[in-house]
Amino acid sequence: MCLGVPGRVVELREVDGLKMGRVDFGGVCRLVCLEHVDAAVGDHVLVHVGFALTKLAPEEASELSELLEQVAAELDPDGPPDPGDALS
């Protein structure tokens, strides 16, 4: 099974002749290959293993993000551990 994750393009750049961009995934930014998608800063894209597969409408990106959050909550209802707990 493959999973595409929605993100928003926040910066464009060229790396070794490839169109790349920094994509924000809810506060976590990663460098993504944009070679196969005509994306601009502010566009939402669906990303799989570091490659943008398609552009998404903002509403689609928001809906998909909410669904992924629901799935994550069902898999781990307690959420991720609080890093501060290790200090107590």
Protein backbone atom coordinates (compact mmCIF):
# COMPACT_ATOMS: atom_id res chain seq x y z
CA MET A 1 0.00 0.00 0.00
CA CYS A 2 1.26 3.48 -0.85
CA LEU A 3 0.51 6.62 1.10
CA GLY A 4 0.61 10.14 -0.30
CA VAL A 5 0.80 13.01 2.17
CA PRO A 6 -0.51 16.51 1.44
CA GLY A 7 1.75 19.51 1.95
CA ARG A 8 2.09 23.16 0.94
CA VAL A 9 4.99 24.44 -1.15
CA VAL A 10 6.80 27.21 0.75
CA GLU A 11 9.93 27.65 -1.37
CA LEU A 12 11.18 26.73 -4.84
CA ARG A 13 14.78 25.98 -5.77
CA GLU A 14 16.88 24.05 -8.25
CA VAL A 15 19.13 21.24 -7.02
CA ASP A 16 21.46 19.53 -9.50
CA GLY A 17 19.24 20.68 -12.37
CA LEU A 18 16.01 19.41 -10.79
CA LYS A 19 13.03 21.53 -9.75
CA MET A 20 12.76 21.08 -6.00
CA GLY A 21 10.84 22.78 -3.24
CA ARG A 22 10.52 22.99 0.51
CA VAL A 23 7.11 21.57 1.39
CA ASP A 24 5.40 22.16 4.73
CA PHE A 25 3.62 19.13 6.19
CA GLY A 26 1.83 20.72 9.14
CA GLY A 27 4.93 22.36 10.59
CA VAL A 28 7.54 19.89 9.34
CA CYS A 29 9.31 20.99 6.15
CA ARG A 30 11.04 18.62 3.75
CA LEU A 31 12.76 19.01 0.40
CA VAL A 32 10.57 17.48 -2.33
CA CYS A 33 11.10 16.87 -6.04
CA LEU A 34 8.63 18.98 -8.04
CA GLU A 35 9.87 17.94 -11.50
CA HIS A 36 6.61 16.24 -12.48
CA VAL A 37 4.20 18.86 -11.13
CA ASP A 38 3.71 22.47 -12.21
CA ALA A 39 3.67 23.82 -8.63
CA ALA A 40 4.29 27.30 -7.31
CA VAL A 41 4.82 28.68 -3.82
CA GLY A 42 1.53 28.39 -1.95
CA ASP A 43 0.27 25.40 -3.95
CA HIS A 44 -0.73 22.18 -2.20
CA VAL A 45 0.78 18.94 -3.50
CA LEU A 46 0.40 15.24 -2.77
CA VAL A 47 3.83 13.77 -1.93
CA HIS A 48 4.98 10.15 -1.94
CA VAL A 49 8.56 9.17 -1.05
CA GLY A 50 9.90 12.66 -1.74
CA PHE A 51 8.15 13.23 -5.08
CA ALA A 52 5.15 15.49 -5.64
CA LEU A 53 2.62 13.42 -7.58
CA THR A 54 -0.08 16.01 -8.23
CA LYS A 55 -1.40 19.39 -7.17
CA LEU A 56 -4.35 19.49 -4.80
CA ALA A 57 -7.02 22.10 -4.27
CA PRO A 58 -6.66 23.65 -0.79
CA GLU A 59 -9.94 22.04 0.27
CA GLU A 60 -8.72 18.60 -0.84
CA ALA A 61 -5.45 19.04 1.04
CA SER A 62 -7.28 20.09 4.21
CA GLU A 63 -9.74 17.20 4.01
CA LEU A 64 -6.97 14.66 3.40
CA SER A 65 -4.91 16.05 6.30
CA GLU A 66 -7.91 15.72 8.62
CA LEU A 67 -8.48 12.11 7.51
CA LEU A 68 -4.82 11.23 8.11
CA GLU A 69 -5.01 12.78 11.60
CA GLN A 70 -8.11 10.68 12.36
CA VAL A 71 -6.35 7.50 11.23
CA ALA A 72 -3.29 8.37 13.34
CA ALA A 73 -5.51 9.00 16.39
CA GLU A 74 -7.21 5.63 15.93
CA LEU A 75 -3.88 3.84 15.64
CA ASP A 76 -2.46 5.57 18.74
CA PRO A 77 -5.27 7.08 20.84
CA ASP A 78 -2.81 8.35 23.46
CA GLY A 79 -0.84 10.27 20.85
CA PRO A 80 2.91 10.51 20.67
CA PRO A 81 4.82 10.57 23.96
CA ASP A 82 5.54 13.98 25.44
CA PRO A 83 9.32 14.59 25.26
CA GLY A 84 9.09 16.41 28.60
CA ASP A 85 7.96 13.19 30.34
CA ALA A 86 11.51 11.80 30.06
CA LEU A 87 12.75 14.69 32.18
CA SER A 88 10.37 14.03 35.08
